[in-house]
Amino acid sequence: MTGRIPLPKEVQQAQEGSEYFSSIPDETILKYENAILSNLLKFIKADDVLMHFHVRLVCECENVRQVIEVAKEIDIWNLEEIIQSLISATNVETISLHDSEFHRTLFNITENVEFFKWWRMQSKELNNFLSKFWESIGYETKHYYDLMDIHKKILEAIKNRNEEQAIEAMQDHFAILLFQLLGTTYNKS
């Protein structure tokens, strides 16, 4: 039996947990999903702004992995202080400053702050987007709370020396950034 793609009305009427693709083999679904991801990555690498985003994503994930290896108690304490300032900030300008400080501190811990400085100089257009990122997210919105939780998860993973959780949380952080970049602020025209 071959799989049948559900009609839009069927998808709309389906309840959560329905198996839309139950007759399509998992390996076929995975093949299609990998093709989408591969094409998305090609698109990202072909665009200067998105390529800088990709570089930052890869380097942030690798950097947080290294933080797990080298962070001292004082480093963790500093990150906790930044997270508390981030959470208690009452406007997007202050949030943006503390968010940037959090990421810069992660690079400081691994003595890779020169990369952070270099990246900011190389990607002025993306850096401009990032400076307005919190404005587009908004104060006390769903994405705002998601990002606050993600920063806490990154910190907890560092405290627990859990590389997998730290990298996963950083990837979640950058997924929200990418969706905002593609859907809200970033305009190719």
C-alpha atoms as a PDB file:
ATOM      1  CA  MET A   1       0.000   0.000   0.000  1.00  0.00           C
ATOM      2  CA  THR A   2       1.366   3.410  -0.890  1.00  0.00           C
ATOM      3  CA  GLY A   3       1.133   6.413   1.363  1.00  0.00           C
ATOM      4  CA  ARG A   4      -1.355   9.119   0.668  1.00  0.00           C
ATOM      5  CA  ILE A   5      -0.713  12.723   1.572  1.00  0.00           C
ATOM      6  CA  PRO A   6      -3.679  14.031   3.562  1.00  0.00           C
ATOM      7  CA  LEU A   7      -5.829  16.727   2.032  1.00  0.00           C
ATOM      8  CA  PRO A   8      -5.642  20.146   3.746  1.00  0.00           C
ATOM      9  CA  LYS A   9      -9.160  19.718   5.151  1.00  0.00           C
ATOM     10  CA  GLU A  10      -8.162  16.352   6.695  1.00  0.00           C
ATOM     11  CA  VAL A  11      -5.088  17.933   8.270  1.00  0.00           C
ATOM     12  CA  GLN A  12      -7.164  20.807   9.617  1.00  0.00           C
ATOM     13  CA  GLN A  13      -9.729  18.419  11.118  1.00  0.00           C
ATOM     14  CA  ALA A  14      -7.180  15.985  12.536  1.00  0.00           C
ATOM     15  CA  GLN A  15      -6.604  15.946  16.253  1.00  0.00           C
ATOM     16  CA  GLU A  16      -3.214  16.209  17.890  1.00  0.00           C
ATOM     17  CA  GLY A  17      -1.318  12.934  17.825  1.00  0.00           C
ATOM     18  CA  SER A  18      -2.821  11.730  14.554  1.00  0.00           C
ATOM     19  CA  GLU A  19      -0.503   9.807  12.318  1.00  0.00           C
ATOM     20  CA  TYR A  20      -0.767  11.580   8.986  1.00  0.00           C
ATOM     21  CA  PHE A  21       1.909   9.458   7.398  1.00  0.00           C
ATOM     22  CA  SER A  22       1.270   6.084   9.016  1.00  0.00           C
ATOM     23  CA  SER A  23       1.461   4.245   5.685  1.00  0.00           C
ATOM     24  CA  ILE A  24       4.700   5.956   4.590  1.00  0.00           C
ATOM     25  CA  PRO A  25       7.822   4.132   5.806  1.00  0.00           C
ATOM     26  CA  ASP A  26       9.878   6.034   8.383  1.00  0.00           C
ATOM     27  CA  GLU A  27      13.029   5.886   6.242  1.00  0.00           C
ATOM     28  CA  THR A  28      11.146   7.552   3.361  1.00  0.00           C
ATOM     29  CA  ILE A  29       9.903  10.336   5.634  1.00  0.00           C
ATOM     30  CA  LEU A  30      13.447  10.791   6.958  1.00  0.00           C
ATOM     31  CA  LYS A  31      14.733  11.015   3.371  1.00  0.00           C
ATOM     32  CA  TYR A  32      12.258  13.802   2.585  1.00  0.00           C
ATOM     33  CA  GLU A  33      13.050  15.653   5.805  1.00  0.00           C
ATOM     34  CA  ASN A  34      16.796  15.405   5.161  1.00  0.00           C
ATOM     35  CA  ALA A  35      16.257  16.794   1.649  1.00  0.00           C
ATOM     36  CA  ILE A  36      14.464  19.818   3.121  1.00  0.00           C
ATOM     37  CA  LEU A  37      17.236  20.375   5.632  1.00  0.00           C
ATOM     38  CA  SER A  38      19.891  19.972   2.959  1.00  0.00           C
ATOM     39  CA  ASN A  39      18.162  22.491   0.702  1.00  0.00           C
ATOM     40  CA  LEU A  40      17.696  24.917   3.585  1.00  0.00           C
ATOM     41  CA  LEU A  41      21.405  24.687   4.393  1.00  0.00           C
ATOM     42  CA  LYS A  42      22.267  25.365   0.722  1.00  0.00           C
ATOM     43  CA  PHE A  43      19.996  28.414   0.825  1.00  0.00           C
ATOM     44  CA  ILE A  44      21.629  29.630   4.043  1.00  0.00           C
ATOM     45  CA  LYS A  45      25.164  29.180   2.692  1.00  0.00           C
ATOM     46  CA  ALA A  46      24.301  31.084  -0.507  1.00  0.00           C
ATOM     47  CA  ASP A  47      23.211  34.207   1.383  1.00  0.00           C
ATOM     48  CA  ASP A  48      25.820  36.416   3.087  1.00  0.00           C
ATOM     49  CA  VAL A  49      23.658  37.347   6.068  1.00  0.00           C
ATOM     50  CA  LEU A  50      22.409  33.808   6.613  1.00  0.00           C
ATOM     51  CA  MET A  51      25.919  32.414   6.160  1.00  0.00           C
ATOM     52  CA  HIS A  52      27.147  34.616   9.001  1.00  0.00           C
ATOM     53  CA  PHE A  53      24.232  33.282  11.028  1.00  0.00           C
ATOM     54  CA  HIS A  54      25.323  29.710  10.201  1.00  0.00           C
ATOM     55  CA  VAL A  55      28.925  30.438  11.248  1.00  0.00           C
ATOM     56  CA  ARG A  56      27.725  31.906  14.524  1.00  0.00           C
ATOM     57  CA  LEU A  57      25.439  28.918  15.194  1.00  0.00           C
ATOM     58  CA  VAL A  58      28.211  26.389  14.630  1.00  0.00           C
ATOM     59  CA  CYS A  59      30.738  28.356  16.679  1.00  0.00           C
ATOM     60  CA  GLU A  60      28.297  29.003  19.559  1.00  0.00           C
ATOM     61  CA  CYS A  61      27.469  25.287  19.777  1.00  0.00           C
ATOM     62  CA  GLU A  62      31.143  24.315  19.746  1.00  0.00           C
ATOM     63  CA  ASN A  63      31.967  27.063  22.208  1.00  0.00           C
ATOM     64  CA  VAL A  64      29.295  25.992  24.715  1.00  0.00           C
ATOM     65  CA  ARG A  65      30.663  22.448  24.443  1.00  0.00           C
ATOM     66  CA  GLN A  66      34.096  23.818  25.374  1.00  0.00           C
ATOM     67  CA  VAL A  67      32.597  25.865  28.225  1.00  0.00           C
ATOM     68  CA  ILE A  68      31.428  22.578  29.752  1.00  0.00           C
ATOM     69  CA  GLU A  69      35.042  21.397  29.801  1.00  0.00           C
ATOM     70  CA  VAL A  70      36.703  24.509  31.247  1.00  0.00           C
ATOM     71  CA  ALA A  71      34.146  26.520  33.253  1.00  0.00           C
ATOM     72  CA  LYS A  72      35.159  27.251  36.819  1.00  0.00           C
ATOM     73  CA  GLU A  73      32.799  28.064  39.685  1.00  0.00           C
ATOM     74  CA  ILE A  74      33.421  31.801  39.243  1.00  0.00           C
ATOM     75  CA  ASP A  75      32.452  31.500  35.554  1.00  0.00           C
ATOM     76  CA  ILE A  76      29.203  29.777  36.469  1.00  0.00           C
ATOM     77  CA  TRP A  77      28.532  32.412  39.117  1.00  0.00           C
ATOM     78  CA  ASN A  78      29.079  35.176  36.500  1.00  0.00           C
ATOM     79  CA  LEU A  79      26.684  33.452  34.095  1.00  0.00           C
ATOM     80  CA  GLU A  80      24.091  33.118  36.883  1.00  0.00           C
ATOM     81  CA  GLU A  81      24.360  36.854  37.560  1.00  0.00           C
ATOM     82  CA  ILE A  82      23.882  37.666  33.876  1.00  0.00           C
ATOM     83  CA  ILE A  83      20.852  35.357  33.640  1.00  0.00           C
ATOM     84  CA  GLN A  84      19.327  37.025  36.712  1.00  0.00           C
ATOM     85  CA  SER A  85      19.878  40.438  35.117  1.00  0.00           C
ATOM     86  CA  LEU A  86      18.387  39.170  31.868  1.00  0.00           C
ATOM     87  CA  ILE A  87      15.294  37.822  33.621  1.00  0.00           C
ATOM     88  CA  SER A  88      14.775  40.925  35.761  1.00  0.00           C
ATOM     89  CA  ALA A  89      15.236  43.387  32.875  1.00  0.00           C
ATOM     90  CA  THR A  90      12.117  45.427  32.239  1.00  0.00           C
ATOM     91  CA  ASN A  91      12.652  46.529  28.639  1.00  0.00           C
ATOM     92  CA  VAL A  92      13.994  45.065  25.417  1.00  0.00           C
ATOM     93  CA  GLU A  93      17.032  47.368  25.287  1.00  0.00           C
ATOM     94  CA  THR A  94      18.303  46.078  28.631  1.00  0.00           C
ATOM     95  CA  ILE A  95      17.431  42.499  27.707  1.00  0.00           C
ATOM     96  CA  SER A  96      19.435  42.848  24.492  1.00  0.00           C
ATOM     97  CA  LEU A  97      22.477  44.079  26.419  1.00  0.00           C
ATOM     98  CA  HIS A  98      22.344  41.192  28.906  1.00  0.00           C
ATOM     99  CA  ASP A  99      21.761  38.634  26.150  1.00  0.00           C
ATOM    100  CA  SER A 100      24.832  39.872  24.294  1.00  0.00           C
ATOM    101  CA  GLU A 101      26.796  39.875  27.560  1.00  0.00           C
ATOM    102  CA  PHE A 102      25.775  36.250  28.179  1.00  0.00           C
ATOM    103  CA  HIS A 103      27.102  35.097  24.803  1.00  0.00           C
ATOM    104  CA  ARG A 104      30.262  37.210  25.063  1.00  0.00           C
ATOM    105  CA  THR A 105      30.907  35.727  28.519  1.00  0.00           C
ATOM    106  CA  LEU A 106      30.622  32.206  27.100  1.00  0.00           C
ATOM    107  CA  PHE A 107      33.338  33.113  24.600  1.00  0.00           C
ATOM    108  CA  ASN A 108      35.401  34.745  27.375  1.00  0.00           C
ATOM    109  CA  ILE A 109      35.296  31.544  29.421  1.00  0.00           C
ATOM    110  CA  THR A 110      36.885  29.580  26.579  1.00  0.00           C
ATOM    111  CA  GLU A 111      39.263  32.418  25.724  1.00  0.00           C
ATOM    112  CA  ASN A 112      37.627  32.710  22.300  1.00  0.00           C
ATOM    113  CA  VAL A 113      36.419  36.285  22.738  1.00  0.00           C
ATOM    114  CA  GLU A 114      38.487  37.312  19.704  1.00  0.00           C
ATOM    115  CA  PHE A 115      36.173  35.214  17.540  1.00  0.00           C
ATOM    116  CA  PHE A 116      33.167  37.012  19.045  1.00  0.00           C
ATOM    117  CA  LYS A 117      34.727  40.405  18.280  1.00  0.00           C
ATOM    118  CA  TRP A 118      35.777  39.314  14.783  1.00  0.00           C
ATOM    119  CA  TRP A 119      32.327  37.944  14.008  1.00  0.00           C
ATOM    120  CA  ARG A 120      30.657  41.196  15.081  1.00  0.00           C
ATOM    121  CA  MET A 121      32.944  43.139  12.713  1.00  0.00           C
ATOM    122  CA  GLN A 122      32.462  40.742   9.784  1.00  0.00           C
ATOM    123  CA  SER A 123      28.699  40.542   9.832  1.00  0.00           C
ATOM    124  CA  LYS A 124      27.445  44.084  10.240  1.00  0.00           C
ATOM    125  CA  GLU A 125      24.055  43.419   8.596  1.00  0.00           C
ATOM    126  CA  LEU A 126      23.352  40.398  10.796  1.00  0.00           C
ATOM    127  CA  ASN A 127      24.692  42.252  13.803  1.00  0.00           C
ATOM    128  CA  ASN A 128      22.208  45.031  13.003  1.00  0.00           C
ATOM    129  CA  PHE A 129      19.410  42.431  12.988  1.00  0.00           C
ATOM    130  CA  LEU A 130      20.579  41.023  16.312  1.00  0.00           C
ATOM    131  CA  SER A 131      20.581  44.486  17.879  1.00  0.00           C
ATOM    132  CA  LYS A 132      16.869  44.734  17.003  1.00  0.00           C
ATOM    133  CA  PHE A 133      16.085  41.080  17.683  1.00  0.00           C
ATOM    134  CA  TRP A 134      14.511  41.601  21.100  1.00  0.00           C
ATOM    135  CA  GLU A 135      12.350  44.417  19.722  1.00  0.00           C
ATOM    136  CA  SER A 136      10.913  41.995  17.156  1.00  0.00           C
ATOM    137  CA  ILE A 137      10.442  39.283  19.811  1.00  0.00           C
ATOM    138  CA  GLY A 138       8.731  41.733  22.146  1.00  0.00           C
ATOM    139  CA  TYR A 139       8.590  41.975  25.904  1.00  0.00           C
ATOM    140  CA  GLU A 140       6.776  39.181  27.757  1.00  0.00           C
ATOM    141  CA  THR A 141       5.690  37.338  24.594  1.00  0.00           C
ATOM    142  CA  LYS A 142       5.790  33.562  24.095  1.00  0.00           C
ATOM    143  CA  HIS A 143       9.189  33.736  22.351  1.00  0.00           C
ATOM    144  CA  TYR A 144      10.445  36.025  25.118  1.00  0.00           C
ATOM    145  CA  TYR A 145       9.599  33.396  27.735  1.00  0.00           C
ATOM    146  CA  ASP A 146      10.955  30.599  25.514  1.00  0.00           C
ATOM    147  CA  LEU A 147      14.281  32.403  25.236  1.00  0.00           C
ATOM    148  CA  MET A 148      14.444  33.099  28.971  1.00  0.00           C
ATOM    149  CA  ASP A 149      13.925  29.368  29.571  1.00  0.00           C
ATOM    150  CA  ILE A 150      16.549  28.476  26.969  1.00  0.00           C
ATOM    151  CA  HIS A 151      19.150  30.694  28.653  1.00  0.00           C
ATOM    152  CA  LYS A 152      18.342  28.968  31.960  1.00  0.00           C
ATOM    153  CA  LYS A 153      18.694  25.555  30.261  1.00  0.00           C
ATOM    154  CA  ILE A 154      22.091  26.511  28.862  1.00  0.00           C
ATOM    155  CA  LEU A 155      23.213  27.557  32.333  1.00  0.00           C
ATOM    156  CA  GLU A 156      21.851  24.383  33.961  1.00  0.00           C
ATOM    157  CA  ALA A 157      23.570  22.228  31.348  1.00  0.00           C
ATOM    158  CA  ILE A 158      26.849  24.024  32.049  1.00  0.00           C
ATOM    159  CA  LYS A 159      26.392  23.526  35.802  1.00  0.00           C
ATOM    160  CA  ASN A 160      25.641  19.829  35.246  1.00  0.00           C
ATOM    161  CA  ARG A 161      28.491  19.466  32.724  1.00  0.00           C
ATOM    162  CA  ASN A 162      26.021  18.095  30.175  1.00  0.00           C
ATOM    163  CA  GLU A 163      27.345  18.842  26.677  1.00  0.00           C
ATOM    164  CA  GLU A 164      24.366  17.346  24.858  1.00  0.00           C
ATOM    165  CA  GLN A 165      21.825  19.464  26.745  1.00  0.00           C
ATOM    166  CA  ALA A 166      23.930  22.621  26.383  1.00  0.00           C
ATOM    167  CA  ILE A 167      24.284  22.172  22.629  1.00  0.00           C
ATOM    168  CA  GLU A 168      20.607  21.302  22.224  1.00  0.00           C
ATOM    169  CA  ALA A 169      19.563  24.427  24.163  1.00  0.00           C
ATOM    170  CA  MET A 170      21.916  26.578  22.074  1.00  0.00           C
ATOM    171  CA  GLN A 171      20.437  25.090  18.905  1.00  0.00           C
ATOM    172  CA  ASP A 172      16.947  25.914  20.219  1.00  0.00           C
ATOM    173  CA  HIS A 173      18.099  29.482  20.871  1.00  0.00           C
ATOM    174  CA  PHE A 174      19.368  29.810  17.322  1.00  0.00           C
ATOM    175  CA  ALA A 175      16.239  28.219  15.868  1.00  0.00           C
ATOM    176  CA  ILE A 176      14.182  31.065  17.326  1.00  0.00           C
ATOM    177  CA  LEU A 177      16.741  33.544  15.981  1.00  0.00           C
ATOM    178  CA  LEU A 178      16.543  31.989  12.524  1.00  0.00           C
ATOM    179  CA  PHE A 179      12.745  32.043  12.420  1.00  0.00           C
ATOM    180  CA  GLN A 180      12.755  35.697  13.457  1.00  0.00           C
ATOM    181  CA  LEU A 181      15.469  36.445  10.927  1.00  0.00           C
ATOM    182  CA  LEU A 182      13.595  34.783   8.078  1.00  0.00           C
ATOM    183  CA  GLY A 183      10.074  35.738   9.051  1.00  0.00           C
ATOM    184  CA  THR A 184      10.124  39.113  10.728  1.00  0.00           C
ATOM    185  CA  THR A 185      13.106  41.351  10.207  1.00  0.00           C
ATOM    186  CA  TYR A 186      15.126  39.852   7.397  1.00  0.00           C
ATOM    187  CA  ASN A 187      13.923  40.956   3.985  1.00  0.00           C
ATOM    188  CA  LYS A 188      15.908  39.952   0.909  1.00  0.00           C
ATOM    189  CA  SER A 189      14.444  42.661  -1.340  1.00  0.00           C
END
